[in-house]
Every structure is written in structure tokens, then in C-alpha cells.
Amino acid sequence: MKYDESLRTPEVRLKEAEQVGAQLRTLRIARGMTQSETAARAGVSRSTAVLLEQGDESRTLSQVLRYLHALEPGLTLAGLLKDQSAAVRVFNEAPRVQRVHKPKASTGRKAEKDPYDF
């Protein structure tokens, strides 16, 4: 039977778990890898990879370390926490490309509302 670890874990530690998950996600994106690819390399399921990146506190330390090793074998957990990954530094320093949506040209007809425009 599994227990809900969040009930037994102090709030500050839950926040730390979320931060570790966010750093793993950033590292994965910086390395240009998919969750599926990283999960396969780490020997975990994709659903576990999702939970790791969300900072799920019930994931094991072994899973976190294997996922980290799959992303950057030379990087330690302490190095991840201290932002010592060169890939992440380059990723964070790179200029961000923003998509610009041009307004649709008027055809004189009443345009239909875009169902994806919220």
C-alpha cells in the first residue's frame, strides 16, 4: 500500500522537491531531449519522468539520480542544485524567440472566432 508522502513531508521540503523537478526539466530541455528519450535512458517509465519533473516527493532518490545521469552523466545532484550545468547556463543566456501573430487580413466578411483563441 502506498502512502501519501505529502502528508508527512514539511512544506519547505515539498517546495525543494518542486525546485529539483523544475531544474531537471530545464536541464532536459537545455539538452534537447524528450521525456520519453530521457526516461528510456534512465530506465523509468515516461509517467515517472513526468512525476520527477513535477517534483513528486514520492519518487525515490535512485530514480532522481538515474534521471539526472541520463541527462548529463558528469553532473552531480549537488551540481544540479548549484546550477553548474553548462547546458543550462547556455540555455538561460540564449535570447528567447517570441512568436508574433499577425492579425488576419480583412476580407470584408465577418471572421469566425478562432476556437483556440482564448
PDB file of N, CA and C in Angstrom:
ATOM      1  N   MET A   1       0.846  -1.179   0.000  1.00  0.00           N
ATOM      2  CA  MET A   1       0.000   0.000   0.000  1.00  0.00           C
ATOM      3  C   MET A   1       0.891   1.241   0.000  1.00  0.00           C
ATOM      4  N   LYS A   2       0.602   2.169  -0.869  1.00  0.00           N
ATOM      5  CA  LYS A   2       1.376   3.402  -0.949  1.00  0.00           C
ATOM      6  C   LYS A   2       0.785   4.441  -0.005  1.00  0.00           C
ATOM      7  N   TYR A   3       1.693   5.256   0.528  1.00  0.00           N
ATOM      8  CA  TYR A   3       1.283   6.331   1.421  1.00  0.00           C
ATOM      9  C   TYR A   3       1.423   7.658   0.697  1.00  0.00           C
ATOM     10  N   ASP A   4       0.598   8.604   1.084  1.00  0.00           N
ATOM     11  CA  ASP A   4       0.700   9.957   0.552  1.00  0.00           C
ATOM     12  C   ASP A   4       1.811  10.660   1.314  1.00  0.00           C
ATOM     13  N   GLU A   5       2.984  10.728   0.686  1.00  0.00           N
ATOM     14  CA  GLU A   5       4.159  11.303   1.339  1.00  0.00           C
ATOM     15  C   GLU A   5       3.984  12.792   1.647  1.00  0.00           C
ATOM     16  N   SER A   6       3.142  13.470   0.882  1.00  0.00           N
ATOM     17  CA  SER A   6       2.986  14.913   1.104  1.00  0.00           C
ATOM     18  C   SER A   6       2.387  15.217   2.479  1.00  0.00           C
ATOM     19  N   LEU A   7       1.669  14.277   3.048  1.00  0.00           N
ATOM     20  CA  LEU A   7       1.078  14.494   4.371  1.00  0.00           C
ATOM     21  C   LEU A   7       2.128  14.412   5.474  1.00  0.00           C
ATOM     22  N   ARG A   8       3.237  13.715   5.188  1.00  0.00           N
ATOM     23  CA  ARG A   8       4.276  13.536   6.199  1.00  0.00           C
ATOM     24  C   ARG A   8       5.523  14.372   5.922  1.00  0.00           C
ATOM     25  N   THR A   9       5.491  15.160   4.863  1.00  0.00           N
ATOM     26  CA  THR A   9       6.667  15.929   4.468  1.00  0.00           C
ATOM     27  C   THR A   9       6.426  17.411   4.751  1.00  0.00           C
ATOM     28  N   PRO A  10       7.386  18.064   5.416  1.00  0.00           N
ATOM     29  CA  PRO A  10       7.221  19.509   5.679  1.00  0.00           C
ATOM     30  C   PRO A  10       7.089  20.297   4.366  1.00  0.00           C
ATOM     31  N   GLU A  11       6.319  21.355   4.429  1.00  0.00           N
ATOM     32  CA  GLU A  11       6.043  22.189   3.255  1.00  0.00           C
ATOM     33  C   GLU A  11       7.322  22.674   2.574  1.00  0.00           C
ATOM     34  N   VAL A  12       8.334  23.045   3.360  1.00  0.00           N
ATOM     35  CA  VAL A  12       9.583  23.540   2.800  1.00  0.00           C
ATOM     36  C   VAL A  12      10.261  22.455   1.963  1.00  0.00           C
ATOM     37  N   ARG A  13      10.156  21.203   2.366  1.00  0.00           N
ATOM     38  CA  ARG A  13      10.754  20.094   1.617  1.00  0.00           C
ATOM     39  C   ARG A  13       9.959  19.801   0.350  1.00  0.00           C
ATOM     40  N   LEU A  14       8.668  19.995   0.393  1.00  0.00           N
ATOM     41  CA  LEU A  14       7.851  19.823  -0.810  1.00  0.00           C
ATOM     42  C   LEU A  14       8.238  20.861  -1.862  1.00  0.00           C
ATOM     43  N   LYS A  15       8.506  22.091  -1.410  1.00  0.00           N
ATOM     44  CA  LYS A  15       8.942  23.156  -2.328  1.00  0.00           C
ATOM     45  C   LYS A  15      10.298  22.810  -2.930  1.00  0.00           C
ATOM     46  N   GLU A  16      11.186  22.247  -2.123  1.00  0.00           N
ATOM     47  CA  GLU A  16      12.501  21.835  -2.626  1.00  0.00           C
ATOM     48  C   GLU A  16      12.370  20.751  -3.684  1.00  0.00           C
ATOM     49  N   ALA A  17      11.470  19.811  -3.446  1.00  0.00           N
ATOM     50  CA  ALA A  17      11.239  18.745  -4.423  1.00  0.00           C
ATOM     51  C   ALA A  17      10.750  19.336  -5.745  1.00  0.00           C
ATOM     52  N   GLU A  18       9.872  20.326  -5.671  1.00  0.00           N
ATOM     53  CA  GLU A  18       9.391  21.007  -6.879  1.00  0.00           C
ATOM     54  C   GLU A  18      10.536  21.709  -7.602  1.00  0.00           C
ATOM     55  N   GLN A  19      11.443  22.315  -6.852  1.00  0.00           N
ATOM     56  CA  GLN A  19      12.589  23.007  -7.452  1.00  0.00           C
ATOM     57  C   GLN A  19      13.522  22.025  -8.147  1.00  0.00           C
ATOM     58  N   VAL A  20      13.756  20.880  -7.534  1.00  0.00           N
ATOM     59  CA  VAL A  20      14.597  19.853  -8.162  1.00  0.00           C
ATOM     60  C   VAL A  20      13.946  19.388  -9.462  1.00  0.00           C
ATOM     61  N   GLY A  21      12.644  19.164  -9.411  1.00  0.00           N
ATOM     62  CA  GLY A  21      11.918  18.752 -10.608  1.00  0.00           C
ATOM     63  C   GLY A  21      12.014  19.791 -11.714  1.00  0.00           C
ATOM     64  N   ALA A  22      11.867  21.049 -11.355  1.00  0.00           N
ATOM     65  CA  ALA A  22      11.956  22.128 -12.350  1.00  0.00           C
ATOM     66  C   ALA A  22      13.361  22.199 -12.941  1.00  0.00           C
ATOM     67  N   GLN A  23      14.377  21.977 -12.115  1.00  0.00           N
ATOM     68  CA  GLN A  23      15.751  22.012 -12.613  1.00  0.00           C
ATOM     69  C   GLN A  23      16.025  20.824 -13.543  1.00  0.00           C
ATOM     70  N   LEU A  24      15.468  19.664 -13.224  1.00  0.00           N
ATOM     71  CA  LEU A  24      15.608  18.507 -14.118  1.00  0.00           C
ATOM     72  C   LEU A  24      14.944  18.793 -15.460  1.00  0.00           C
ATOM     73  N   ARG A  25      13.766  19.401 -15.415  1.00  0.00           N
ATOM     74  CA  ARG A  25      13.048  19.732 -16.652  1.00  0.00           C
ATOM     75  C   ARG A  25      13.847  20.732 -17.487  1.00  0.00           C
ATOM     76  N   THR A  26      14.359  21.776 -16.840  1.00  0.00           N
ATOM     77  CA  THR A  26      15.155  22.776 -17.551  1.00  0.00           C
ATOM     78  C   THR A  26      16.388  22.137 -18.176  1.00  0.00           C
ATOM     79  N   LEU A  27      17.048  21.260 -17.440  1.00  0.00           N
ATOM     80  CA  LEU A  27      18.228  20.572 -17.961  1.00  0.00           C
ATOM     81  C   LEU A  27      17.862  19.720 -19.165  1.00  0.00           C
ATOM     82  N   ARG A  28      16.740  19.009 -19.081  1.00  0.00           N
ATOM     83  CA  ARG A  28      16.311  18.167 -20.206  1.00  0.00           C
ATOM     84  C   ARG A  28      16.056  19.010 -21.446  1.00  0.00           C
ATOM     85  N   ILE A  29      15.366  20.120 -21.278  1.00  0.00           N
ATOM     86  CA  ILE A  29      15.061  20.999 -22.407  1.00  0.00           C
ATOM     87  C   ILE A  29      16.349  21.605 -22.958  1.00  0.00           C
ATOM     88  N   ALA A  30      17.238  22.017 -22.067  1.00  0.00           N
ATOM     89  CA  ALA A  30      18.515  22.602 -22.491  1.00  0.00           C
ATOM     90  C   ALA A  30      19.340  21.589 -23.285  1.00  0.00           C
ATOM     91  N   ARG A  31      19.235  20.329 -22.943  1.00  0.00           N
ATOM     92  CA  ARG A  31      19.967  19.281 -23.652  1.00  0.00           C
ATOM     93  C   ARG A  31      19.246  18.833 -24.916  1.00  0.00           C
ATOM     94  N   GLY A  32      18.035  19.330 -25.142  1.00  0.00           N
ATOM     95  CA  GLY A  32      17.290  18.998 -26.357  1.00  0.00           C
ATOM     96  C   GLY A  32      16.752  17.580 -26.370  1.00  0.00           C
ATOM     97  N   MET A  33      16.418  17.069 -25.204  1.00  0.00           N
ATOM     98  CA  MET A  33      15.934  15.690 -25.092  1.00  0.00           C
ATOM     99  C   MET A  33      14.444  15.672 -24.763  1.00  0.00           C
ATOM    100  N   THR A  34      13.785  14.608 -25.177  1.00  0.00           N
ATOM    101  CA  THR A  34      12.377  14.431 -24.842  1.00  0.00           C
ATOM    102  C   THR A  34      12.264  13.674 -23.530  1.00  0.00           C
ATOM    103  N   GLN A  35      11.092  13.755 -22.917  1.00  0.00           N
ATOM    104  CA  GLN A  35      10.863  12.991 -21.693  1.00  0.00           C
ATOM    105  C   GLN A  35      10.972  11.496 -21.967  1.00  0.00           C
ATOM    106  N   SER A  36      10.428  11.062 -23.091  1.00  0.00           N
ATOM    107  CA  SER A  36      10.467   9.643 -23.425  1.00  0.00           C
ATOM    108  C   SER A  36      11.894   9.144 -23.588  1.00  0.00           C
ATOM    109  N   GLU A  37      12.704   9.911 -24.289  1.00  0.00           N
ATOM    110  CA  GLU A  37      14.100   9.538 -24.506  1.00  0.00           C
ATOM    111  C   GLU A  37      14.855   9.485 -23.178  1.00  0.00           C
ATOM    112  N   THR A  38      14.674  10.492 -22.359  1.00  0.00           N
ATOM    113  CA  THR A  38      15.363  10.545 -21.079  1.00  0.00           C
ATOM    114  C   THR A  38      14.898   9.416 -20.164  1.00  0.00           C
ATOM    115  N   ALA A  39      13.600   9.166 -20.141  1.00  0.00           N
ATOM    116  CA  ALA A  39      13.057   8.090 -19.312  1.00  0.00           C
ATOM    117  C   ALA A  39      13.637   6.740 -19.736  1.00  0.00           C
ATOM    118  N   ALA A  40      13.719   6.510 -21.031  1.00  0.00           N
ATOM    119  CA  ALA A  40      14.270   5.243 -21.518  1.00  0.00           C
ATOM    120  C   ALA A  40      15.731   5.092 -21.092  1.00  0.00           C
ATOM    121  N   ARG A  41      16.489   6.157 -21.211  1.00  0.00           N
ATOM    122  CA  ARG A  41      17.898   6.112 -20.795  1.00  0.00           C
ATOM    123  C   ARG A  41      18.034   5.873 -19.294  1.00  0.00           C
ATOM    124  N   ALA A  42      17.099   6.405 -18.522  1.00  0.00           N
ATOM    125  CA  ALA A  42      17.157   6.287 -17.068  1.00  0.00           C
ATOM    126  C   ALA A  42      16.553   4.983 -16.555  1.00  0.00           C
ATOM    127  N   GLY A  43      15.863   4.272 -17.434  1.00  0.00           N
ATOM    128  CA  GLY A  43      15.223   3.025 -17.017  1.00  0.00           C
ATOM    129  C   GLY A  43      13.972   3.232 -16.198  1.00  0.00           C
ATOM    130  N   VAL A  44      13.262   4.331 -16.476  1.00  0.00           N
ATOM    131  CA  VAL A  44      11.989   4.604 -15.810  1.00  0.00           C
ATOM    132  C   VAL A  44      10.921   4.810 -16.887  1.00  0.00           C
ATOM    133  N   SER A  45       9.682   4.751 -16.486  1.00  0.00           N
ATOM    134  CA  SER A  45       8.599   4.997 -17.436  1.00  0.00           C
ATOM    135  C   SER A  45       8.476   6.486 -17.708  1.00  0.00           C
ATOM    136  N   ARG A  46       7.776   6.822 -18.793  1.00  0.00           N
ATOM    137  CA  ARG A  46       7.572   8.231 -19.095  1.00  0.00           C
ATOM    138  C   ARG A  46       6.723   8.888 -18.016  1.00  0.00           C
ATOM    139  N   SER A  47       5.757   8.151 -17.484  1.00  0.00           N
ATOM    140  CA  SER A  47       4.926   8.725 -16.422  1.00  0.00           C
ATOM    141  C   SER A  47       5.762   9.035 -15.176  1.00  0.00           C
ATOM    142  N   THR A  48       6.769   8.224 -14.904  1.00  0.00           N
ATOM    143  CA  THR A  48       7.679   8.518 -13.798  1.00  0.00           C
ATOM    144  C   THR A  48       8.505   9.755 -14.114  1.00  0.00           C
ATOM    145  N   ALA A  49       8.921   9.901 -15.382  1.00  0.00           N
ATOM    146  CA  ALA A  49       9.667  11.098 -15.785  1.00  0.00           C
ATOM    147  C   ALA A  49       8.828  12.349 -15.554  1.00  0.00           C
ATOM    148  N   VAL A  50       7.558  12.276 -15.884  1.00  0.00           N
ATOM    149  CA  VAL A  50       6.655  13.408 -15.654  1.00  0.00           C
ATOM    150  C   VAL A  50       6.614  13.744 -14.160  1.00  0.00           C
ATOM    151  N   LEU A  51       6.466  12.723 -13.328  1.00  0.00           N
ATOM    152  CA  LEU A  51       6.414  12.939 -11.882  1.00  0.00           C
ATOM    153  C   LEU A  51       7.729  13.501 -11.349  1.00  0.00           C
ATOM    154  N   LEU A  52       8.848  13.017 -11.870  1.00  0.00           N
ATOM    155  CA  LEU A  52      10.148  13.543 -11.458  1.00  0.00           C
ATOM    156  C   LEU A  52      10.253  15.034 -11.767  1.00  0.00           C
ATOM    157  N   GLU A  53       9.830  15.415 -12.958  1.00  0.00           N
ATOM    158  CA  GLU A  53       9.921  16.816 -13.367  1.00  0.00           C
ATOM    159  C   GLU A  53       8.905  17.700 -12.642  1.00  0.00           C
ATOM    160  N   GLN A  54       7.858  17.102 -12.127  1.00  0.00           N
ATOM    161  CA  GLN A  54       6.887  17.862 -11.338  1.00  0.00           C
ATOM    162  C   GLN A  54       7.337  17.997  -9.886  1.00  0.00           C
ATOM    163  N   GLY A  55       8.390  17.255  -9.519  1.00  0.00           N
ATOM    164  CA  GLY A  55       8.882  17.307  -8.148  1.00  0.00           C
ATOM    165  C   GLY A  55       8.071  16.463  -7.198  1.00  0.00           C
ATOM    166  N   ASP A  56       7.513  15.371  -7.710  1.00  0.00           N
ATOM    167  CA  ASP A  56       6.726  14.467  -6.871  1.00  0.00           C
ATOM    168  C   ASP A  56       7.604  13.908  -5.759  1.00  0.00           C
ATOM    169  N   GLU A  57       7.213  14.144  -4.526  1.00  0.00           N
ATOM    170  CA  GLU A  57       8.042  13.776  -3.382  1.00  0.00           C
ATOM    171  C   GLU A  57       8.109  12.276  -3.128  1.00  0.00           C
ATOM    172  N   SER A  58       7.282  11.494  -3.768  1.00  0.00           N
ATOM    173  CA  SER A  58       7.310  10.051  -3.533  1.00  0.00           C
ATOM    174  C   SER A  58       8.257   9.316  -4.484  1.00  0.00           C
ATOM    175  N   ARG A  59       8.907  10.032  -5.388  1.00  0.00           N
ATOM    176  CA  ARG A  59       9.913   9.398  -6.257  1.00  0.00           C
ATOM    177  C   ARG A  59      11.137   9.086  -5.417  1.00  0.00           C
ATOM    178  N   THR A  60      11.827   8.013  -5.761  1.00  0.00           N
ATOM    179  CA  THR A  60      12.994   7.614  -4.977  1.00  0.00           C
ATOM    180  C   THR A  60      14.226   8.413  -5.386  1.00  0.00           C
ATOM    181  N   LEU A  61      15.164   8.480  -4.489  1.00  0.00           N
ATOM    182  CA  LEU A  61      16.422   9.154  -4.780  1.00  0.00           C
ATOM    183  C   LEU A  61      17.112   8.449  -5.950  1.00  0.00           C
ATOM    184  N   SER A  62      17.004   7.149  -5.996  1.00  0.00           N
ATOM    185  CA  SER A  62      17.605   6.388  -7.096  1.00  0.00           C
ATOM    186  C   SER A  62      17.030   6.822  -8.437  1.00  0.00           C
ATOM    187  N   GLN A  63      15.732   7.021  -8.508  1.00  0.00           N
ATOM    188  CA  GLN A  63      15.105   7.467  -9.754  1.00  0.00           C
ATOM    189  C   GLN A  63      15.587   8.855 -10.134  1.00  0.00           C
ATOM    190  N   VAL A  64      15.691   9.750  -9.158  1.00  0.00           N
ATOM    191  CA  VAL A  64      16.167  11.110  -9.432  1.00  0.00           C
ATOM    192  C   VAL A  64      17.596  11.060  -9.972  1.00  0.00           C
ATOM    193  N   LEU A  65      18.452  10.276  -9.318  1.00  0.00           N
ATOM    194  CA  LEU A  65      19.855  10.201  -9.731  1.00  0.00           C
ATOM    195  C   LEU A  65      20.015   9.542 -11.103  1.00  0.00           C
ATOM    196  N   ARG A  66      19.230   8.506 -11.382  1.00  0.00           N
ATOM    197  CA  ARG A  66      19.296   7.869 -12.704  1.00  0.00           C
ATOM    198  C   ARG A  66      18.815   8.827 -13.796  1.00  0.00           C
ATOM    199  N   TYR A  67      17.772   9.582 -13.509  1.00  0.00           N
ATOM    200  CA  TYR A  67      17.251  10.555 -14.480  1.00  0.00           C
ATOM    201  C   TYR A  67      18.297  11.631 -14.744  1.00  0.00           C
ATOM    202  N   LEU A  68      18.928  12.116 -13.683  1.00  0.00           N
ATOM    203  CA  LEU A  68      19.981  13.110 -13.819  1.00  0.00           C
ATOM    204  C   LEU A  68      21.144  12.546 -14.628  1.00  0.00           C
ATOM    205  N   HIS A  69      21.530  11.315 -14.361  1.00  0.00           N
ATOM    206  CA  HIS A  69      22.630  10.677 -15.094  1.00  0.00           C
ATOM    207  C   HIS A  69      22.279  10.523 -16.568  1.00  0.00           C
ATOM    208  N   ALA A  70      21.025  10.226 -16.859  1.00  0.00           N
ATOM    209  CA  ALA A  70      20.591  10.097 -18.257  1.00  0.00           C
ATOM    210  C   ALA A  70      20.689  11.438 -18.984  1.00  0.00           C
ATOM    211  N   LEU A  71      20.509  12.519 -18.258  1.00  0.00           N
ATOM    212  CA  LEU A  71      20.566  13.854 -18.850  1.00  0.00           C
ATOM    213  C   LEU A  71      21.994  14.351 -19.019  1.00  0.00           C
ATOM    214  N   GLU A  72      22.786  14.225 -17.968  1.00  0.00           N
ATOM    215  CA  GLU A  72      24.159  14.720 -18.003  1.00  0.00           C
ATOM    216  C   GLU A  72      24.996  13.870 -17.049  1.00  0.00           C
ATOM    217  N   PRO A  73      25.641  12.816 -17.577  1.00  0.00           N
ATOM    218  CA  PRO A  73      26.343  11.851 -16.729  1.00  0.00           C
ATOM    219  C   PRO A  73      27.370  12.437 -15.763  1.00  0.00           C
ATOM    220  N   GLY A  74      28.043  13.490 -16.107  1.00  0.00           N
ATOM    221  CA  GLY A  74      29.072  14.053 -15.236  1.00  0.00           C
ATOM    222  C   GLY A  74      28.552  14.996 -14.172  1.00  0.00           C
ATOM    223  N   LEU A  75      27.276  15.320 -14.203  1.00  0.00           N
ATOM    224  CA  LEU A  75      26.709  16.295 -13.275  1.00  0.00           C
ATOM    225  C   LEU A  75      26.207  15.599 -12.015  1.00  0.00           C
ATOM    226  N   THR A  76      26.612  16.102 -10.866  1.00  0.00           N
ATOM    227  CA  THR A  76      26.139  15.558  -9.597  1.00  0.00           C
ATOM    228  C   THR A  76      24.828  16.242  -9.208  1.00  0.00           C
ATOM    229  N   LEU A  77      24.155  15.660  -8.232  1.00  0.00           N
ATOM    230  CA  LEU A  77      22.934  16.280  -7.729  1.00  0.00           C
ATOM    231  C   LEU A  77      23.259  17.638  -7.107  1.00  0.00           C
ATOM    232  N   ALA A  78      24.369  17.699  -6.395  1.00  0.00           N
ATOM    233  CA  ALA A  78      24.788  18.988  -5.819  1.00  0.00           C
ATOM    234  C   ALA A  78      25.059  19.997  -6.930  1.00  0.00           C
ATOM    235  N   GLY A  79      25.661  19.546  -8.020  1.00  0.00           N
ATOM    236  CA  GLY A  79      25.919  20.424  -9.158  1.00  0.00           C
ATOM    237  C   GLY A  79      24.634  20.918  -9.795  1.00  0.00           C
ATOM    238  N   LEU A  80      23.641  20.049  -9.882  1.00  0.00           N
ATOM    239  CA  LEU A  80      22.337  20.453 -10.423  1.00  0.00           C
ATOM    240  C   LEU A  80      21.736  21.546  -9.551  1.00  0.00           C
ATOM    241  N   LEU A  81      21.824  21.352  -8.244  1.00  0.00           N
ATOM    242  CA  LEU A  81      21.234  22.315  -7.314  1.00  0.00           C
ATOM    243  C   LEU A  81      21.971  23.644  -7.310  1.00  0.00           C
ATOM    244  N   LYS A  82      23.244  23.627  -7.693  1.00  0.00           N
ATOM    245  CA  LYS A  82      24.040  24.860  -7.744  1.00  0.00           C
ATOM    246  C   LYS A  82      24.116  25.435  -9.157  1.00  0.00           C
ATOM    247  N   ASP A  83      23.290  24.939 -10.056  1.00  0.00           N
ATOM    248  CA  ASP A  83      23.252  25.415 -11.445  1.00  0.00           C
ATOM    249  C   ASP A  83      24.620  25.327 -12.117  1.00  0.00           C
ATOM    250  N   GLN A  84      25.292  24.194 -11.983  1.00  0.00           N
ATOM    251  CA  GLN A  84      26.619  24.031 -12.550  1.00  0.00           C
ATOM    252  C   GLN A  84      26.615  23.366 -13.926  1.00  0.00           C
ATOM    253  N   SER A  85      25.468  23.188 -14.524  1.00  0.00           N
ATOM    254  CA  SER A  85      25.391  22.588 -15.848  1.00  0.00           C
ATOM    255  C   SER A  85      25.675  23.650 -16.912  1.00  0.00           C
ATOM    256  N   ALA A  86      26.670  23.375 -17.750  1.00  0.00           N
ATOM    257  CA  ALA A  86      26.994  24.304 -18.836  1.00  0.00           C
ATOM    258  C   ALA A  86      25.823  24.415 -19.807  1.00  0.00           C
ATOM    259  N   ALA A  87      25.129  23.306 -20.041  1.00  0.00           N
ATOM    260  CA  ALA A  87      23.994  23.316 -20.972  1.00  0.00           C
ATOM    261  C   ALA A  87      22.902  24.254 -20.481  1.00  0.00           C
ATOM    262  N   VAL A  88      22.635  24.247 -19.194  1.00  0.00           N
ATOM    263  CA  VAL A  88      21.598  25.113 -18.635  1.00  0.00           C
ATOM    264  C   VAL A  88      22.035  26.572 -18.689  1.00  0.00           C
ATOM    265  N   ARG A  89      23.309  26.848 -18.403  1.00  0.00           N
ATOM    266  CA  ARG A  89      23.795  28.230 -18.473  1.00  0.00           C
ATOM    267  C   ARG A  89      23.648  28.786 -19.887  1.00  0.00           C
ATOM    268  N   VAL A  90      24.052  28.001 -20.878  1.00  0.00           N
ATOM    269  CA  VAL A  90      23.935  28.449 -22.271  1.00  0.00           C
ATOM    270  C   VAL A  90      22.462  28.636 -22.634  1.00  0.00           C
ATOM    271  N   PHE A  91      21.627  27.706 -22.207  1.00  0.00           N
ATOM    272  CA  PHE A  91      20.191  27.780 -22.481  1.00  0.00           C
ATOM    273  C   PHE A  91      19.586  29.037 -21.860  1.00  0.00           C
ATOM    274  N   ASN A  92      19.950  29.332 -20.624  1.00  0.00           N
ATOM    275  CA  ASN A  92      19.392  30.502 -19.933  1.00  0.00           C
ATOM    276  C   ASN A  92      19.905  31.815 -20.509  1.00  0.00           C
ATOM    277  N   GLU A  93      21.103  31.808 -21.085  1.00  0.00           N
ATOM    278  CA  GLU A  93      21.675  33.029 -21.652  1.00  0.00           C
ATOM    279  C   GLU A  93      21.251  33.266 -23.095  1.00  0.00           C
ATOM    280  N   ALA A  94      20.713  32.247 -23.742  1.00  0.00           N
ATOM    281  CA  ALA A  94      20.310  32.376 -25.148  1.00  0.00           C
ATOM    282  C   ALA A  94      19.101  33.300 -25.256  1.00  0.00           C
ATOM    283  N   PRO A  95      19.076  34.140 -26.301  1.00  0.00           N
ATOM    284  CA  PRO A  95      17.908  35.003 -26.489  1.00  0.00           C
ATOM    285  C   PRO A  95      16.671  34.161 -26.798  1.00  0.00           C
ATOM    286  N   ARG A  96      15.574  34.556 -26.272  1.00  0.00           N
ATOM    287  CA  ARG A  96      14.319  33.837 -26.491  1.00  0.00           C
ATOM    288  C   ARG A  96      13.644  34.359 -27.744  1.00  0.00           C
ATOM    289  N   VAL A  97      13.157  33.448 -28.530  1.00  0.00           N
ATOM    290  CA  VAL A  97      12.412  33.795 -29.731  1.00  0.00           C
ATOM    291  C   VAL A  97      10.939  33.802 -29.361  1.00  0.00           C
ATOM    292  N   GLN A  98      10.287  34.908 -29.660  1.00  0.00           N
ATOM    293  CA  GLN A  98       8.860  35.003 -29.365  1.00  0.00           C
ATOM    294  C   GLN A  98       8.087  35.006 -30.672  1.00  0.00           C
ATOM    295  N   ARG A  99       7.048  34.243 -30.677  1.00  0.00           N
ATOM    296  CA  ARG A  99       6.199  34.212 -31.859  1.00  0.00           C
ATOM    297  C   ARG A  99       5.299  35.435 -31.869  1.00  0.00           C
ATOM    298  N   VAL A 100       5.170  36.015 -33.040  1.00  0.00           N
ATOM    299  CA  VAL A 100       4.303  37.173 -33.200  1.00  0.00           C
ATOM    300  C   VAL A 100       3.190  36.758 -34.142  1.00  0.00           C
ATOM    301  N   HIS A 101       1.980  36.919 -33.693  1.00  0.00           N
ATOM    302  CA  HIS A 101       0.833  36.570 -34.527  1.00  0.00           C
ATOM    303  C   HIS A 101       0.333  37.805 -35.245  1.00  0.00           C
ATOM    304  N   LYS A 102       0.321  37.714 -36.541  1.00  0.00           N
ATOM    305  CA  LYS A 102      -0.184  38.831 -37.323  1.00  0.00           C
ATOM    306  C   LYS A 102      -1.700  38.757 -37.361  1.00  0.00           C
ATOM    307  N   PRO A 103      -2.337  39.908 -37.323  1.00  0.00           N
ATOM    308  CA  PRO A 103      -3.797  39.890 -37.431  1.00  0.00           C
ATOM    309  C   PRO A 103      -4.193  39.410 -38.825  1.00  0.00           C
ATOM    310  N   LYS A 104      -5.290  38.705 -38.869  1.00  0.00           N
ATOM    311  CA  LYS A 104      -5.768  38.193 -40.157  1.00  0.00           C
ATOM    312  C   LYS A 104      -6.222  39.360 -41.023  1.00  0.00           C
ATOM    313  N   ALA A 105      -5.926  39.226 -42.302  1.00  0.00           N
ATOM    314  CA  ALA A 105      -6.329  40.277 -43.247  1.00  0.00           C
ATOM    315  C   ALA A 105      -7.848  40.316 -43.341  1.00  0.00           C
ATOM    316  N   SER A 106      -8.358  41.511 -43.408  1.00  0.00           N
ATOM    317  CA  SER A 106      -9.797  41.677 -43.504  1.00  0.00           C
ATOM    318  C   SER A 106     -10.256  41.378 -44.920  1.00  0.00           C
ATOM    319  N   THR A 107     -11.276  40.520 -45.031  1.00  0.00           N
ATOM    320  CA  THR A 107     -11.821  40.172 -46.344  1.00  0.00           C
ATOM    321  C   THR A 107     -13.187  40.792 -46.550  1.00  0.00           C
ATOM    322  N   GLY A 108     -13.615  41.599 -45.607  1.00  0.00           N
ATOM    323  CA  GLY A 108     -14.922  42.225 -45.728  1.00  0.00           C
ATOM    324  C   GLY A 108     -16.009  41.361 -45.121  1.00  0.00           C
ATOM    325  N   ARG A 109     -15.695  40.080 -44.888  1.00  0.00           N
ATOM    326  CA  ARG A 109     -16.668  39.190 -44.250  1.00  0.00           C
ATOM    327  C   ARG A 109     -16.396  39.156 -42.756  1.00  0.00           C
ATOM    328  N   LYS A 110     -17.406  38.785 -42.026  1.00  0.00           N
ATOM    329  CA  LYS A 110     -17.238  38.646 -40.593  1.00  0.00           C
ATOM    330  C   LYS A 110     -16.420  37.378 -40.336  1.00  0.00           C
ATOM    331  N   ALA A 111     -15.292  37.543 -39.693  1.00  0.00           N
ATOM    332  CA  ALA A 111     -14.414  36.405 -39.445  1.00  0.00           C
ATOM    333  C   ALA A 111     -14.991  35.522 -38.347  1.00  0.00           C
ATOM    334  N   GLU A 112     -14.778  34.210 -38.515  1.00  0.00           N
ATOM    335  CA  GLU A 112     -15.201  33.273 -37.489  1.00  0.00           C
ATOM    336  C   GLU A 112     -14.231  33.360 -36.323  1.00  0.00           C
ATOM    337  N   LYS A 113     -14.760  33.133 -35.147  1.00  0.00           N
ATOM    338  CA  LYS A 113     -13.899  33.163 -33.962  1.00  0.00           C
ATOM    339  C   LYS A 113     -13.027  31.920 -33.971  1.00  0.00           C
ATOM    340  N   ASP A 114     -11.744  32.128 -33.741  1.00  0.00           N
ATOM    341  CA  ASP A 114     -10.783  31.030 -33.669  1.00  0.00           C
ATOM    342  C   ASP A 114     -11.074  30.250 -32.387  1.00  0.00           C
ATOM    343  N   PRO A 115     -11.345  28.929 -32.479  1.00  0.00           N
ATOM    344  CA  PRO A 115     -11.675  28.160 -31.272  1.00  0.00           C
ATOM    345  C   PRO A 115     -10.487  28.038 -30.322  1.00  0.00           C
ATOM    346  N   TYR A 116      -9.281  28.315 -30.777  1.00  0.00           N
ATOM    347  CA  TYR A 116      -8.096  28.210 -29.921  1.00  0.00           C
ATOM    348  C   TYR A 116      -7.663  29.562 -29.379  1.00  0.00           C
ATOM    349  N   ASP A 117      -8.408  30.611 -29.690  1.00  0.00           N
ATOM    350  CA  ASP A 117      -8.090  31.954 -29.223  1.00  0.00           C
ATOM    351  C   ASP A 117      -8.855  32.190 -27.928  1.00  0.00           C
ATOM    352  N   PHE A 118      -8.129  32.214 -26.799  1.00  0.00           N
ATOM    353  CA  PHE A 118      -8.796  32.364 -25.505  1.00  0.00           C
ATOM    354  C   PHE A 118      -8.728  33.762 -25.036  1.00  0.00           C
TER     355      PHE A 118
END
